[in-house]
Amino acid sequence: MQTANMLLKKIVRSSVLPFAARPGMKKDLFPLSRTLSLSLCLKQDNSCKPSEKLDLDEWKKVMKSGLQEEVSETSEPKELSSLAAARETLETWRLAGKLVPENITEEQLKMFMECPSKSAKKKYLKYLHRKELYKKTDKRKMEEKRERKLEAQEQASKTEETIKSPFRSLWSKTMDKAYNWRAAQSMIFGQPLVFDMSYEKEMSVREVSNTVTQLIQSESSNRKSVDPFHLHFCNLKDDSLYHKEFVKHYRETWGKLLITVTDQCYTEVFPKDKLIYLTADSPNVMKTFDHDKIYIVGSMVDKSIKTGVSLARAKRLGLETAALPLDKYLLWNSGAKNLTLDQMMQILLTLKDTADWKKALEFVPKRKYCGFVNKPVNELKKTLDLINTLKIGKRQEDTRKQFAKSYSKKYKLK
């Protein structure tokens, strides 16, 4: 059979190809479109019809499209089956007591399937579990906060209903009128007290906001006192952060406050010989409260405790400085001796009314001192130094014993 085929090929090459190579004969023998001729013997009806021709290019396109559809149809069920298998593994791990999230999306499942190892999959599921727990706790906290807010609003409404009695409203109106009357009198006859508002550059926005809240508390306590000061807010400019915070808190009542607000310096408003700048960095200790002097308080809340800023400003302006006698009357703990503005206001009001340092210094926070001084300061310092040396000696003895004990064990083991 093979020999017959070889002979047939030689005959075709020797006879047909030279004939086809002639000009004008190539087009008839080799048509442009590639076709497939079906022999009559392959037909079912075995009729003597001419041979049918099919376009090979179209046939290939049809076959390729069919293959793509089959691939897509087979790939989708495979992907769905892999996701279902991943979900089954998650359920088994959850039943086994491992950290698995309750709700997981398809993207997270795909990420879980793409993890290279089992430990990586466990870590990824642990991360999703923690993330879900954080969301649940945040949601629970928000709900609790909402419930507390609603309870507070209900209590406030109940208290408002009780307060809205005619006697209470009349009492509050009369007291408010009395406070305003005292503040108005202090603007004419009262002793001036200056708050220096020139420390905006030394503070952050948050510190300026804290300073303004302290000043608001100082103004309210001064207005409610028996003999209030005439408050002066000096160096306060309209476009400053101080001014914006004041307007934000007071709103419409900012222009109705019974205080003096000016952008001028206090040296331009008052004579220098009457001004005393109160600062904790001053070497001069304040002995008594002078009703003829005008005290200046720096309006600054300093979280980083910048020492010497107010003292340097007072020295540049050539003003007298003073510090509160905290060491004389209080057994001070370690730490800075800076007080808040509302504490300074309470201390100065008490000194003005009573001239008693012990009563005035009760407004100092009790965490900053151990108690009031009853003995002379030198004796107290001696006793404190003795206590500290005894404590240090005891600590040294304990550390020496511990050191010897630990090293004796090591040497015994060797």
Protein backbone atom coordinates (compact mmCIF):
# COMPACT_ATOMS: atom_id res chain seq x y z
CA MET A 1 0.00 0.00 0.00
CA GLN A 2 2.77 2.41 0.89
CA THR A 3 4.56 1.74 -2.36
CA ALA A 4 1.38 2.46 -4.29
CA ASN A 5 0.97 5.80 -2.54
CA MET A 6 4.57 6.75 -3.26
CA LEU A 7 4.09 5.96 -6.98
CA LEU A 8 0.88 8.03 -7.04
CA LYS A 9 2.67 11.02 -5.57
CA LYS A 10 5.46 10.80 -8.16
CA ILE A 11 2.94 10.65 -10.99
CA VAL A 12 1.09 13.74 -9.70
CA ARG A 13 4.32 15.72 -9.30
CA SER A 14 5.58 14.80 -12.76
CA SER A 15 2.31 15.44 -14.61
CA VAL A 16 0.16 18.04 -12.80
CA LEU A 17 2.73 20.47 -11.39
CA PRO A 18 4.45 21.40 -14.64
CA PHE A 19 1.11 21.88 -16.26
CA ALA A 20 -0.04 24.16 -13.38
CA ALA A 21 3.12 26.22 -13.60
CA ARG A 22 2.14 27.54 -17.02
CA PRO A 23 0.77 31.14 -17.13
CA GLY A 24 -2.96 31.42 -16.95
CA MET A 25 -3.50 27.89 -15.59
CA LYS A 26 -2.74 28.52 -11.90
CA LYS A 27 -6.02 30.28 -11.16
CA ASP A 28 -8.14 27.45 -12.49
CA LEU A 29 -6.37 24.71 -10.61
CA PHE A 30 -5.86 26.55 -7.29
CA PRO A 31 -8.84 28.75 -6.39
CA LEU A 32 -8.34 31.62 -3.94
CA SER A 33 -10.59 30.27 -1.18
CA ARG A 34 -9.48 27.17 0.63
CA THR A 35 -12.26 24.55 0.19
CA LEU A 36 -12.88 21.02 1.17
CA SER A 37 -14.31 18.68 -1.50
CA LEU A 38 -16.52 15.90 -0.24
CA SER A 39 -16.52 12.80 -2.31
CA LEU A 40 -19.76 11.25 -3.46
CA CYS A 41 -19.06 8.02 -1.67
CA LEU A 42 -19.27 9.77 1.74
CA LYS A 43 -22.82 10.93 1.10
CA GLN A 44 -25.69 8.94 2.50
CA ASP A 45 -27.93 9.11 -0.57
CA ASN A 46 -25.11 7.98 -3.00
CA SER A 47 -26.59 10.20 -5.68
CA CYS A 48 -24.56 11.47 -8.59
CA LYS A 49 -24.73 15.12 -7.51
CA PRO A 50 -21.68 17.35 -7.87
CA SER A 51 -19.33 17.56 -4.84
CA GLU A 52 -20.27 20.10 -2.11
CA LYS A 53 -17.66 22.68 -0.98
CA LEU A 54 -17.25 24.16 2.56
CA ASP A 55 -15.28 27.33 3.55
CA LEU A 56 -12.47 26.24 5.92
CA ASP A 57 -12.04 29.72 7.49
CA GLU A 58 -15.70 29.92 8.50
CA TRP A 59 -15.57 26.38 9.76
CA LYS A 60 -12.58 27.22 12.02
CA LYS A 61 -14.36 30.29 13.40
CA VAL A 62 -17.42 28.24 14.28
CA MET A 63 -15.29 25.59 15.97
CA LYS A 64 -13.33 28.20 17.98
CA SER A 65 -16.51 29.92 19.21
CA GLY A 66 -17.90 26.55 20.30
CA LEU A 67 -14.71 25.78 22.21
CA GLN A 68 -14.80 29.19 24.01
CA GLU A 69 -18.40 28.62 25.05
CA GLU A 70 -17.52 25.19 26.36
CA VAL A 71 -14.52 26.60 28.30
CA SER A 72 -16.66 29.36 29.86
CA GLU A 73 -19.38 26.89 30.73
CA THR A 74 -16.89 24.55 32.33
CA SER A 75 -14.89 27.33 34.14
CA GLU A 76 -17.89 28.91 35.85
CA PRO A 77 -19.01 25.71 37.57
CA LYS A 78 -15.41 25.06 38.59
CA GLU A 79 -15.16 28.51 40.21
CA LEU A 80 -18.50 28.08 41.93
CA SER A 81 -17.49 24.68 43.20
CA SER A 82 -14.18 26.04 44.56
CA LEU A 83 -16.03 28.85 46.42
CA ALA A 84 -18.48 26.30 47.84
CA ALA A 85 -15.56 24.14 48.96
CA ALA A 86 -13.93 27.16 50.62
CA ARG A 87 -17.17 27.93 52.45
CA GLU A 88 -17.37 24.30 53.63
CA THR A 89 -13.82 24.48 54.99
CA LEU A 90 -14.70 27.70 56.82
CA GLU A 91 -17.73 26.02 58.38
CA THR A 92 -15.64 23.05 59.49
CA TRP A 93 -13.03 25.36 60.99
CA ARG A 94 -15.76 27.32 62.77
CA LEU A 95 -17.17 24.10 64.24
CA ALA A 96 -13.64 23.13 65.28
CA GLY A 97 -13.42 26.33 67.35
CA LYS A 98 -11.00 28.30 65.20
CA LEU A 99 -11.19 32.09 64.72
CA VAL A 100 -13.42 32.47 61.67
CA PRO A 101 -15.57 35.53 60.78
CA GLU A 102 -19.33 35.08 60.77
CA ASN A 103 -19.90 36.98 57.51
CA ILE A 104 -17.45 36.82 54.61
CA THR A 105 -17.75 38.26 51.11
CA GLU A 106 -16.79 36.60 47.81
CA GLU A 107 -13.73 38.84 47.45
CA GLN A 108 -12.53 37.80 50.91
CA LEU A 109 -13.17 34.16 49.98
CA LYS A 110 -11.07 34.56 46.84
CA MET A 111 -8.29 36.16 48.91
CA PHE A 112 -8.58 33.23 51.33
CA MET A 113 -8.24 30.75 48.44
CA GLU A 114 -5.21 32.61 47.06
CA CYS A 115 -3.30 32.28 50.34
CA PRO A 116 -0.22 30.11 49.68
CA SER A 117 -0.25 28.04 52.87
CA LYS A 118 -2.53 26.87 55.64
CA SER A 119 -0.91 29.16 58.22
CA ALA A 120 -1.42 32.15 55.90
CA LYS A 121 -5.09 31.22 55.55
CA LYS A 122 -5.45 31.00 59.34
CA LYS A 123 -3.78 34.40 59.81
CA TYR A 124 -6.04 35.98 57.18
CA LEU A 125 -9.17 34.54 58.84
CA LYS A 126 -7.92 35.73 62.25
CA TYR A 127 -7.47 39.24 60.84
CA LEU A 128 -11.03 39.20 59.42
CA HIS A 129 -12.38 37.88 62.73
CA ARG A 130 -10.71 40.70 64.70
CA LYS A 131 -11.91 43.28 62.21
CA GLU A 132 -15.46 42.00 62.63
CA LEU A 133 -15.14 42.11 66.43
CA TYR A 134 -13.91 45.73 66.32
CA LYS A 135 -16.89 46.70 64.17
CA LYS A 136 -19.27 45.00 66.61
CA THR A 137 -17.74 46.74 69.64
CA ASP A 138 -17.84 50.12 67.90
CA LYS A 139 -21.49 49.58 67.02
CA ARG A 140 -22.30 48.53 70.58
CA LYS A 141 -20.52 51.58 72.01
CA MET A 142 -22.40 53.88 69.63
CA GLU A 143 -25.71 52.34 70.69
CA GLU A 144 -24.83 52.69 74.39
CA LYS A 145 -23.78 56.30 73.81
CA ARG A 146 -27.06 56.98 72.02
CA GLU A 147 -29.02 55.42 74.88
CA ARG A 148 -27.11 57.48 77.46
CA LYS A 149 -27.74 60.63 75.44
CA LEU A 150 -31.45 59.89 75.26
CA GLU A 151 -31.57 59.23 79.02
CA ALA A 152 -29.72 62.49 79.69
CA GLN A 153 -32.14 64.38 77.46
CA GLU A 154 -35.10 62.84 79.28
CA GLN A 155 -33.63 63.76 82.67
CA ALA A 156 -32.87 67.28 81.46
CA SER A 157 -36.43 67.68 80.22
CA LYS A 158 -37.73 66.48 83.60
CA THR A 159 -35.47 68.88 85.50
CA GLU A 160 -36.48 71.73 83.19
CA GLU A 161 -40.11 71.00 83.92
CA THR A 162 -39.42 71.14 87.67
CA ILE A 163 -37.25 74.26 87.34
CA LYS A 164 -39.82 76.09 85.22
CA SER A 165 -41.81 76.94 88.27
CA PRO A 166 -42.64 80.66 88.58
CA PHE A 167 -40.64 81.11 91.80
CA ARG A 168 -37.50 79.54 90.32
CA SER A 169 -37.64 81.61 87.14
CA LEU A 170 -38.22 84.80 89.15
CA TRP A 171 -35.28 83.95 91.45
CA SER A 172 -32.90 83.32 88.54
CA LYS A 173 -33.92 86.57 86.83
CA THR A 174 -33.43 88.61 90.00
CA MET A 175 -30.03 87.03 90.71
CA ASP A 176 -28.91 87.63 87.16
CA LYS A 177 -29.91 91.29 87.49
CA ALA A 178 -27.99 91.52 90.80
CA TYR A 179 -24.86 90.02 89.24
CA ASN A 180 -25.06 92.41 86.31
CA TRP A 181 -25.51 95.33 88.67
CA ARG A 182 -22.38 94.36 90.61
CA ALA A 183 -20.40 93.96 87.37
CA ALA A 184 -21.58 97.38 86.18
CA GLN A 185 -20.53 98.93 89.49
CA SER A 186 -17.11 97.25 89.24
CA MET A 187 -16.58 98.86 85.83
CA ILE A 188 -16.88 102.27 87.52
CA PHE A 189 -15.51 101.73 91.04
CA GLY A 190 -13.85 98.28 91.00
CA GLN A 191 -10.18 97.37 91.08
CA PRO A 192 -8.88 96.56 87.57
CA LEU A 193 -7.57 93.09 86.77
CA VAL A 194 -5.80 92.63 83.43
CA PHE A 195 -5.63 89.48 81.31
CA ASP A 196 -2.77 89.64 78.81
CA MET A 197 -3.97 88.20 75.47
CA SER A 198 -0.65 88.39 73.61
CA TYR A 199 0.36 84.71 73.80
CA GLU A 200 -1.43 83.39 70.72
CA LYS A 201 1.81 82.60 68.87
CA GLU A 202 3.17 80.52 71.77
CA MET A 203 0.14 78.19 71.77
CA SER A 204 -1.61 75.73 69.49
CA VAL A 205 -5.27 76.06 68.45
CA ARG A 206 -6.33 73.56 71.10
CA GLU A 207 -4.43 75.42 73.83
CA VAL A 208 -6.07 78.71 72.77
CA SER A 209 -9.48 77.03 73.02
CA ASN A 210 -8.63 75.77 76.54
CA THR A 211 -7.47 79.28 77.51
CA VAL A 212 -10.77 80.79 76.37
CA THR A 213 -12.81 78.22 78.35
CA GLN A 214 -10.78 79.06 81.47
CA LEU A 215 -11.35 82.78 80.86
CA ILE A 216 -15.10 82.18 80.53
CA GLN A 217 -15.10 80.39 83.88
CA SER A 218 -13.06 83.25 85.38
CA GLU A 219 -15.55 85.84 84.08
CA SER A 220 -18.54 83.94 85.51
CA SER A 221 -16.91 83.49 88.95
CA ASN A 222 -15.90 87.18 88.99
CA ARG A 223 -19.46 88.25 88.09
CA LYS A 224 -20.94 86.14 90.93
CA SER A 225 -18.52 87.40 93.59
CA VAL A 226 -19.44 89.98 96.25
CA ASP A 227 -16.85 92.54 95.13
CA PRO A 228 -15.87 91.72 91.53
CA PHE A 229 -12.88 93.03 89.60
CA HIS A 230 -13.12 95.30 86.60
CA LEU A 231 -11.81 92.88 83.98
CA HIS A 232 -9.64 94.14 81.13
CA PHE A 233 -8.82 91.91 78.14
CA CYS A 234 -5.80 93.71 76.67
CA ASN A 235 -3.98 92.99 73.39
CA LEU A 236 -7.12 91.30 72.04
CA LYS A 237 -7.39 91.82 68.28
CA ASP A 238 -10.54 91.26 66.23
CA ASP A 239 -9.07 88.69 63.82
CA SER A 240 -7.23 86.67 66.47
CA LEU A 241 -8.01 83.12 67.57
CA TYR A 242 -8.95 84.43 71.01
CA HIS A 243 -11.66 86.63 69.53
CA LYS A 244 -13.04 83.83 67.31
CA GLU A 245 -13.27 81.44 70.29
CA PHE A 246 -14.97 84.08 72.45
CA VAL A 247 -17.57 84.77 69.76
CA LYS A 248 -18.06 81.03 69.29
CA HIS A 249 -18.83 80.54 73.00
CA TYR A 250 -20.69 83.75 73.88
CA ARG A 251 -22.40 84.38 70.49
CA GLU A 252 -24.76 87.37 70.81
CA THR A 253 -23.85 88.08 74.44
CA TRP A 254 -20.19 88.81 73.59
CA GLY A 255 -21.00 92.46 72.89
CA LYS A 256 -23.12 92.72 76.06
CA LEU A 257 -20.47 91.54 78.56
CA LEU A 258 -19.65 94.00 81.33
CA ILE A 259 -15.88 93.89 80.73
CA THR A 260 -13.39 96.10 78.89
CA VAL A 261 -11.94 94.65 75.69
CA THR A 262 -9.16 96.50 73.89
CA ASP A 263 -6.40 95.80 71.37
CA GLN A 264 -4.05 98.21 73.21
CA CYS A 265 -1.31 97.10 75.57
CA TYR A 266 -1.88 97.56 79.31
CA THR A 267 1.14 99.87 79.49
CA GLU A 268 -0.78 102.28 77.24
CA VAL A 269 -3.93 102.11 79.40
CA PHE A 270 -2.47 102.16 82.94
CA PRO A 271 0.63 103.77 84.48
CA LYS A 272 3.62 101.41 84.73
CA ASP A 273 4.30 102.04 88.43
CA LYS A 274 0.91 100.53 89.33
CA LEU A 275 1.26 97.35 87.23
CA ILE A 276 2.42 94.02 88.73
CA TYR A 277 2.81 90.99 86.47
CA LEU A 278 1.91 87.72 88.25
CA THR A 279 4.12 84.89 87.00
CA ALA A 280 5.36 81.65 88.59
CA ASP A 281 8.91 82.33 87.29
CA SER A 282 9.31 85.58 89.21
CA PRO A 283 11.99 85.69 91.98
CA ASN A 284 9.86 88.15 93.97
CA VAL A 285 7.34 86.50 96.30
CA MET A 286 4.00 88.22 96.83
CA LYS A 287 3.53 88.88 100.56
CA THR A 288 0.23 90.76 100.74
CA PHE A 289 -2.54 91.71 98.37
CA ASP A 290 -2.37 95.40 97.43
CA HIS A 291 -5.73 97.01 96.56
CA ASP A 292 -4.05 99.98 94.90
CA LYS A 293 -2.06 97.91 92.41
CA ILE A 294 -3.23 96.50 89.07
CA TYR A 295 -2.35 92.81 88.68
CA ILE A 296 -1.72 91.25 85.27
CA VAL A 297 -2.30 87.55 84.52
CA GLY A 298 -0.91 85.96 81.35
CA SER A 299 -3.72 84.29 79.36
CA MET A 300 -1.82 81.17 78.41
CA VAL A 301 -2.38 77.44 78.78
CA ASP A 302 1.00 75.80 78.31
CA LYS A 303 0.98 71.99 78.04
CA SER A 304 4.71 71.80 77.37
CA ILE A 305 5.47 74.23 80.29
CA LYS A 306 7.56 76.88 78.57
CA THR A 307 9.27 78.54 81.51
CA GLY A 308 10.18 82.21 81.50
CA VAL A 309 7.88 83.41 78.68
CA SER A 310 5.72 85.74 80.81
CA LEU A 311 8.71 86.83 82.92
CA ALA A 312 10.65 87.79 79.79
CA ARG A 313 7.68 89.80 78.51
CA ALA A 314 7.35 91.66 81.81
CA LYS A 315 11.08 92.45 81.82
CA ARG A 316 10.95 93.76 78.25
CA LEU A 317 8.17 96.12 79.26
CA GLY A 318 9.97 97.12 82.47
CA LEU A 319 7.21 95.94 84.84
CA GLU A 320 7.32 94.70 88.39
CA THR A 321 6.78 90.96 88.79
CA ALA A 322 5.54 88.74 91.62
CA ALA A 323 4.83 85.07 92.33
CA LEU A 324 2.36 83.48 94.74
CA PRO A 325 3.93 82.27 98.03
CA LEU A 326 3.17 78.61 97.40
CA ASP A 327 6.32 77.29 99.14
CA LYS A 328 5.64 79.42 102.19
CA TYR A 329 2.15 78.05 102.86
CA LEU A 330 2.03 74.71 101.03
CA LEU A 331 4.16 71.59 101.30
CA TRP A 332 4.62 71.37 97.52
CA ASN A 333 5.17 68.13 95.64
CA SER A 334 7.49 67.83 92.67
CA GLY A 335 6.17 69.54 89.56
CA ALA A 336 5.51 72.91 87.97
CA LYS A 337 3.82 75.64 90.01
CA ASN A 338 1.63 76.88 87.18
CA LEU A 339 -2.07 77.29 87.95
CA THR A 340 -5.07 77.63 85.65
CA LEU A 341 -6.70 81.01 85.00
CA ASP A 342 -9.92 80.20 86.88
CA GLN A 343 -7.85 79.04 89.91
CA MET A 344 -5.92 82.31 89.82
CA MET A 345 -9.20 84.23 89.68
CA GLN A 346 -10.59 82.40 92.73
CA ILE A 347 -7.35 82.97 94.67
CA LEU A 348 -7.28 86.70 93.87
CA LEU A 349 -10.99 87.16 94.71
CA THR A 350 -10.52 85.42 98.08
CA LEU A 351 -7.44 87.51 98.85
CA LYS A 352 -9.32 90.67 97.95
CA ASP A 353 -12.24 89.77 100.23
CA THR A 354 -10.46 88.11 103.20
CA ALA A 355 -6.68 88.72 102.89
CA ASP A 356 -6.23 85.15 104.18
CA TRP A 357 -3.63 83.14 102.25
CA LYS A 358 -4.77 79.77 103.63
CA LYS A 359 -8.34 80.31 102.44
CA ALA A 360 -7.13 81.60 99.09
CA LEU A 361 -4.70 78.73 98.48
CA GLU A 362 -7.41 76.15 99.12
CA PHE A 363 -8.27 76.58 95.43
CA VAL A 364 -4.91 75.05 94.48
CA PRO A 365 -5.47 71.42 93.37
CA LYS A 366 -4.75 69.06 96.25
CA ARG A 367 -2.81 66.68 94.03
CA LYS A 368 -0.04 69.31 93.81
CA TYR A 369 0.74 69.60 97.54
CA CYS A 370 0.80 67.39 100.65
CA GLY A 371 -0.70 69.90 103.05
CA PHE A 372 -0.33 73.33 104.63
CA VAL A 373 2.85 74.36 106.39
CA ASN A 374 2.49 74.55 110.18
CA LYS A 375 6.20 74.55 111.11
CA PRO A 376 8.95 76.81 109.76
CA VAL A 377 10.00 75.96 106.25
CA ASN A 378 13.63 75.18 107.16
CA GLU A 379 12.61 72.46 109.63
CA LEU A 380 10.18 70.94 107.12
CA LYS A 381 12.89 70.88 104.47
CA LYS A 382 15.24 69.12 106.85
CA THR A 383 12.65 66.46 107.68
CA LEU A 384 11.83 65.98 104.01
CA ASP A 385 15.52 65.60 103.14
CA LEU A 386 15.92 63.09 105.97
CA ILE A 387 12.91 61.06 104.75
CA ASN A 388 14.26 61.06 101.19
CA THR A 389 17.74 59.94 102.28
CA LEU A 390 16.23 57.14 104.39
CA LYS A 391 14.13 56.02 101.43
CA ILE A 392 17.15 56.07 99.13
CA GLY A 393 19.26 54.16 101.68
CA LYS A 394 16.57 51.52 102.11
CA ARG A 395 16.26 51.10 98.35
CA GLN A 396 20.02 50.73 98.01
CA GLU A 397 20.09 48.10 100.76
CA ASP A 398 17.23 46.16 99.14
CA THR A 399 18.91 46.22 95.71
CA ARG A 400 22.23 45.08 97.24
CA LYS A 401 20.55 42.12 98.96
CA GLN A 402 18.67 41.16 95.80
CA PHE A 403 21.87 41.36 93.78
CA ALA A 404 23.78 39.19 96.26
CA LYS A 405 20.95 36.62 96.41
CA SER A 406 20.70 36.26 92.63
CA TYR A 407 24.45 35.92 92.11
CA SER A 408 24.83 33.45 95.00
CA LYS A 409 22.28 31.17 93.24
CA LYS A 410 24.26 31.38 90.02
CA TYR A 411 27.51 30.50 91.73
CA LYS A 412 25.88 27.53 93.54
CA LEU A 413 24.61 26.17 90.24
CA LYS A 414 28.12 26.32 88.79
